[in-house]
Amino acid sequence: MSVIVWDGKKLATDRQANDGSMKWESEKAWYVTDGVTGEECIVSGVGMLGNILKMREWFKTKDRPALDIKSNTAELIVVNRQGLSVWSANGTSVELSAPMAFGDGREYALGAMAMGATAEEAVQVANEYSLHCGKGVVIYTLHEGKVEGDENGKT
């Protein structure tokens, strides 16, 4: 499970992944190049991990062929310099305004941001109160002319 939070400047995620009774640390977002525009982006997703990864690779291609993914099994979250958009398995997208949160713990994160929290602080709140979030916070940012953080987004 994941919590993914966008405050309009930074995308923050927790690091906890789980499957039944097991939990471990995992990256939940990546810096990629948009295959169509050539623009540096941050991508993440909610749903089945295998399908999120397929959608991530699809987003990096120039021709973007039809995806072999069942509807409603994953959504790709994309942050570029214009803002945040969510892509569905059928290849359509919708732009959303900040603040925005996805995944388990999203209600905690949205509540925290309504009280003035940053994306990082909102993930910390979700980590504390949601059983499905935890193991730290990773922050991803796009800055003019460069991407902040190492290849895994750690700052």
C-alpha atoms as a PDB file:
ATOM      1  CA  MET A   1       0.000   0.000   0.000  1.00  0.00           C
ATOM      2  CA  SER A   2       1.076   3.580  -0.543  1.00  0.00           C
ATOM      3  CA  VAL A   3       0.396   7.161   0.262  1.00  0.00           C
ATOM      4  CA  ILE A   4       1.368   9.653  -2.442  1.00  0.00           C
ATOM      5  CA  VAL A   5       0.978  13.367  -1.733  1.00  0.00           C
ATOM      6  CA  TRP A   6       1.308  16.425  -3.984  1.00  0.00           C
ATOM      7  CA  ASP A   7       1.309  19.902  -2.421  1.00  0.00           C
ATOM      8  CA  GLY A   8       1.894  21.807  -5.659  1.00  0.00           C
ATOM      9  CA  LYS A   9       5.679  21.939  -5.214  1.00  0.00           C
ATOM     10  CA  LYS A  10       6.776  18.520  -3.992  1.00  0.00           C
ATOM     11  CA  LEU A  11       5.617  14.951  -4.380  1.00  0.00           C
ATOM     12  CA  ALA A  12       6.127  12.863  -1.254  1.00  0.00           C
ATOM     13  CA  THR A  13       5.597   9.146  -0.690  1.00  0.00           C
ATOM     14  CA  ASP A  14       5.976   6.732   2.153  1.00  0.00           C
ATOM     15  CA  ARG A  15       8.395   3.795   1.738  1.00  0.00           C
ATOM     16  CA  GLN A  16       6.324   0.905   3.064  1.00  0.00           C
ATOM     17  CA  ALA A  17       5.174  -1.898   0.812  1.00  0.00           C
ATOM     18  CA  ASN A  18       3.169  -4.801   2.126  1.00  0.00           C
ATOM     19  CA  ASP A  19       1.545  -7.993   1.009  1.00  0.00           C
ATOM     20  CA  GLY A  20      -0.697  -9.581   3.578  1.00  0.00           C
ATOM     21  CA  SER A  21       1.255  -9.741   6.831  1.00  0.00           C
ATOM     22  CA  MET A  22       4.685  -8.878   5.377  1.00  0.00           C
ATOM     23  CA  LYS A  23       6.073  -5.367   4.941  1.00  0.00           C
ATOM     24  CA  TRP A  24       9.299  -4.001   3.447  1.00  0.00           C
ATOM     25  CA  GLU A  25      10.783  -0.770   2.050  1.00  0.00           C
ATOM     26  CA  SER A  26      10.202   0.171  -1.571  1.00  0.00           C
ATOM     27  CA  GLU A  27      10.579   3.114  -3.930  1.00  0.00           C
ATOM     28  CA  LYS A  28       7.212   4.462  -4.994  1.00  0.00           C
ATOM     29  CA  ALA A  29       8.124   7.155  -7.519  1.00  0.00           C
ATOM     30  CA  TRP A  30      10.750   7.631 -10.196  1.00  0.00           C
ATOM     31  CA  TYR A  31      12.269  10.383 -12.334  1.00  0.00           C
ATOM     32  CA  VAL A  32      11.616   9.580 -16.012  1.00  0.00           C
ATOM     33  CA  THR A  33      11.608  11.351 -19.348  1.00  0.00           C
ATOM     34  CA  ASP A  34       8.230  11.751 -21.027  1.00  0.00           C
ATOM     35  CA  GLY A  35       8.599   9.864 -24.305  1.00  0.00           C
ATOM     36  CA  VAL A  36       6.366  12.300 -26.197  1.00  0.00           C
ATOM     37  CA  THR A  37       7.578  15.697 -24.925  1.00  0.00           C
ATOM     38  CA  GLY A  38      11.095  14.815 -23.773  1.00  0.00           C
ATOM     39  CA  GLU A  39      10.333  16.578 -20.498  1.00  0.00           C
ATOM     40  CA  GLU A  40      11.713  15.335 -17.173  1.00  0.00           C
ATOM     41  CA  CYS A  41       8.856  14.120 -14.951  1.00  0.00           C
ATOM     42  CA  ILE A  42       8.169  12.369 -11.686  1.00  0.00           C
ATOM     43  CA  VAL A  43       5.931   9.326 -11.992  1.00  0.00           C
ATOM     44  CA  SER A  44       4.260   7.237  -9.330  1.00  0.00           C
ATOM     45  CA  GLY A  45       1.098   5.210  -9.226  1.00  0.00           C
ATOM     46  CA  VAL A  46      -1.636   3.482  -7.328  1.00  0.00           C
ATOM     47  CA  GLY A  47      -2.967   0.003  -7.937  1.00  0.00           C
ATOM     48  CA  MET A  48      -1.215  -3.206  -8.856  1.00  0.00           C
ATOM     49  CA  LEU A  49       2.557  -2.675  -8.847  1.00  0.00           C
ATOM     50  CA  GLY A  50       3.143  -4.747 -11.988  1.00  0.00           C
ATOM     51  CA  ASN A  51       0.667  -2.582 -13.893  1.00  0.00           C
ATOM     52  CA  ILE A  52       2.126   0.647 -12.495  1.00  0.00           C
ATOM     53  CA  LEU A  53       5.539  -0.442 -13.785  1.00  0.00           C
ATOM     54  CA  LYS A  54       4.062  -1.302 -17.214  1.00  0.00           C
ATOM     55  CA  MET A  55       2.439   2.130 -17.347  1.00  0.00           C
ATOM     56  CA  ARG A  56       5.711   3.806 -16.317  1.00  0.00           C
ATOM     57  CA  GLU A  57       7.554   2.119 -19.199  1.00  0.00           C
ATOM     58  CA  TRP A  58       4.683   2.964 -21.575  1.00  0.00           C
ATOM     59  CA  PHE A  59       4.891   6.658 -20.546  1.00  0.00           C
ATOM     60  CA  LYS A  60       8.579   6.693 -21.502  1.00  0.00           C
ATOM     61  CA  THR A  61       7.832   5.577 -25.099  1.00  0.00           C
ATOM     62  CA  LYS A  62       7.262   7.957 -28.007  1.00  0.00           C
ATOM     63  CA  ASP A  63       4.418   6.106 -29.727  1.00  0.00           C
ATOM     64  CA  ARG A  64       2.513   4.917 -26.615  1.00  0.00           C
ATOM     65  CA  PRO A  65       0.816   1.829 -28.006  1.00  0.00           C
ATOM     66  CA  ALA A  66      -2.346   0.476 -26.381  1.00  0.00           C
ATOM     67  CA  LEU A  67      -1.688  -0.923 -22.922  1.00  0.00           C
ATOM     68  CA  ASP A  68      -2.465  -4.552 -22.124  1.00  0.00           C
ATOM     69  CA  ILE A  69      -3.814  -3.706 -18.664  1.00  0.00           C
ATOM     70  CA  LYS A  70      -7.307  -4.200 -17.291  1.00  0.00           C
ATOM     71  CA  SER A  71      -9.161  -0.975 -16.535  1.00  0.00           C
ATOM     72  CA  ASN A  72      -9.151   0.196 -12.925  1.00  0.00           C
ATOM     73  CA  THR A  73      -6.161  -1.944 -11.899  1.00  0.00           C
ATOM     74  CA  ALA A  74      -3.668   0.940 -11.842  1.00  0.00           C
ATOM     75  CA  GLU A  75      -3.310   4.661 -12.416  1.00  0.00           C
ATOM     76  CA  LEU A  76      -0.120   6.507 -13.261  1.00  0.00           C
ATOM     77  CA  ILE A  77       0.493   9.757 -11.394  1.00  0.00           C
ATOM     78  CA  VAL A  78       2.664  12.192 -13.364  1.00  0.00           C
ATOM     79  CA  VAL A  79       4.179  15.449 -12.157  1.00  0.00           C
ATOM     80  CA  ASN A  80       5.734  17.764 -14.721  1.00  0.00           C
ATOM     81  CA  ARG A  81       6.447  21.484 -14.679  1.00  0.00           C
ATOM     82  CA  GLN A  82       2.790  22.230 -15.469  1.00  0.00           C
ATOM     83  CA  GLY A  83       1.452  20.266 -12.477  1.00  0.00           C
ATOM     84  CA  LEU A  84      -0.035  16.861 -11.728  1.00  0.00           C
ATOM     85  CA  SER A  85      -2.007  14.555 -13.997  1.00  0.00           C
ATOM     86  CA  VAL A  86      -3.402  11.062 -13.544  1.00  0.00           C
ATOM     87  CA  TRP A  87      -3.290   8.597 -16.426  1.00  0.00           C
ATOM     88  CA  SER A  88      -5.640   5.625 -16.720  1.00  0.00           C
ATOM     89  CA  ALA A  89      -4.901   2.310 -18.379  1.00  0.00           C
ATOM     90  CA  ASN A  90      -6.775   3.396 -21.524  1.00  0.00           C
ATOM     91  CA  GLY A  91      -4.185   6.155 -22.092  1.00  0.00           C
ATOM     92  CA  THR A  92      -6.325   9.130 -21.117  1.00  0.00           C
ATOM     93  CA  SER A  93      -5.313  11.647 -18.484  1.00  0.00           C
ATOM     94  CA  VAL A  94      -6.865  14.283 -16.269  1.00  0.00           C
ATOM     95  CA  GLU A  95      -5.091  17.217 -14.635  1.00  0.00           C
ATOM     96  CA  LEU A  96      -5.683  17.718 -10.912  1.00  0.00           C
ATOM     97  CA  SER A  97      -5.010  20.674  -8.624  1.00  0.00           C
ATOM     98  CA  ALA A  98      -2.988  20.680  -5.432  1.00  0.00           C
ATOM     99  CA  PRO A  99      -3.276  19.644  -2.728  1.00  0.00           C
ATOM    100  CA  MET A 100      -3.881  16.047  -3.789  1.00  0.00           C
ATOM    101  CA  ALA A 101      -3.284  12.662  -2.170  1.00  0.00           C
ATOM    102  CA  PHE A 102      -3.667   9.077  -3.341  1.00  0.00           C
ATOM    103  CA  GLY A 103      -3.615   5.601  -1.812  1.00  0.00           C
ATOM    104  CA  ASP A 104      -4.043   4.389   1.737  1.00  0.00           C
ATOM    105  CA  GLY A 105      -3.698   7.178   4.231  1.00  0.00           C
ATOM    106  CA  ARG A 106      -4.848   9.803   1.719  1.00  0.00           C
ATOM    107  CA  GLU A 107      -7.569  11.041   4.092  1.00  0.00           C
ATOM    108  CA  TYR A 108      -4.984  11.664   6.819  1.00  0.00           C
ATOM    109  CA  ALA A 109      -2.706  13.422   4.339  1.00  0.00           C
ATOM    110  CA  LEU A 110      -5.464  15.632   2.933  1.00  0.00           C
ATOM    111  CA  GLY A 111      -6.558  16.558   6.451  1.00  0.00           C
ATOM    112  CA  ALA A 112      -2.988  17.459   7.374  1.00  0.00           C
ATOM    113  CA  MET A 113      -2.603  19.627   4.264  1.00  0.00           C
ATOM    114  CA  ALA A 114      -5.922  21.336   5.021  1.00  0.00           C
ATOM    115  CA  MET A 115      -4.262  22.393   8.280  1.00  0.00           C
ATOM    116  CA  GLY A 116      -1.216  23.772   6.420  1.00  0.00           C
ATOM    117  CA  ALA A 117       1.102  20.746   6.242  1.00  0.00           C
ATOM    118  CA  THR A 118       3.579  20.267   3.398  1.00  0.00           C
ATOM    119  CA  ALA A 119       3.573  17.057   1.353  1.00  0.00           C
ATOM    120  CA  GLU A 120       6.369  15.680   3.540  1.00  0.00           C
ATOM    121  CA  GLU A 121       4.514  16.486   6.759  1.00  0.00           C
ATOM    122  CA  ALA A 122       1.287  15.030   5.355  1.00  0.00           C
ATOM    123  CA  VAL A 123       3.028  11.713   4.617  1.00  0.00           C
ATOM    124  CA  GLN A 124       4.437  11.717   8.151  1.00  0.00           C
ATOM    125  CA  VAL A 125       0.877  12.058   9.504  1.00  0.00           C
ATOM    126  CA  ALA A 126      -0.350   9.225   7.253  1.00  0.00           C
ATOM    127  CA  ASN A 127       2.596   7.085   8.377  1.00  0.00           C
ATOM    128  CA  GLU A 128       1.634   7.599  11.987  1.00  0.00           C
ATOM    129  CA  TYR A 129      -2.088   6.861  11.673  1.00  0.00           C
ATOM    130  CA  SER A 130      -2.528   4.464   8.733  1.00  0.00           C
ATOM    131  CA  LEU A 131      -1.696   0.791   9.216  1.00  0.00           C
ATOM    132  CA  HIS A 132      -0.667   0.597   5.547  1.00  0.00           C
ATOM    133  CA  CYS A 133       1.805   3.493   5.430  1.00  0.00           C
ATOM    134  CA  GLY A 134       5.216   3.894   7.004  1.00  0.00           C
ATOM    135  CA  LYS A 135       8.952   3.281   6.832  1.00  0.00           C
ATOM    136  CA  GLY A 136       9.836   6.922   6.170  1.00  0.00           C
ATOM    137  CA  VAL A 137       9.238   9.637   3.607  1.00  0.00           C
ATOM    138  CA  VAL A 138      10.824  10.274   0.211  1.00  0.00           C
ATOM    139  CA  ILE A 139      10.493  13.678  -1.454  1.00  0.00           C
ATOM    140  CA  TYR A 140      10.627  14.290  -5.204  1.00  0.00           C
ATOM    141  CA  THR A 141      10.978  17.773  -6.707  1.00  0.00           C
ATOM    142  CA  LEU A 142      11.396  19.310 -10.130  1.00  0.00           C
ATOM    143  CA  HIS A 143      13.366  22.548 -10.224  1.00  0.00           C
ATOM    144  CA  GLU A 144      14.027  24.734 -13.225  1.00  0.00           C
ATOM    145  CA  GLY A 145      16.987  23.311 -15.127  1.00  0.00           C
ATOM    146  CA  LYS A 146      17.602  20.368 -12.806  1.00  0.00           C
ATOM    147  CA  VAL A 147      16.037  17.558 -10.850  1.00  0.00           C
ATOM    148  CA  GLU A 148      16.652  17.558  -7.117  1.00  0.00           C
ATOM    149  CA  GLY A 149      17.607  14.301  -5.381  1.00  0.00           C
ATOM    150  CA  ASP A 150      19.507  11.242  -6.491  1.00  0.00           C
ATOM    151  CA  GLU A 151      18.207   8.640  -8.929  1.00  0.00           C
ATOM    152  CA  ASN A 152      15.889   7.256  -6.239  1.00  0.00           C
ATOM    153  CA  GLY A 153      14.549  10.634  -5.179  1.00  0.00           C
ATOM    154  CA  LYS A 154      16.277  10.743  -1.812  1.00  0.00           C
ATOM    155  CA  THR A 155      17.180  14.261  -0.790  1.00  0.00           C
END
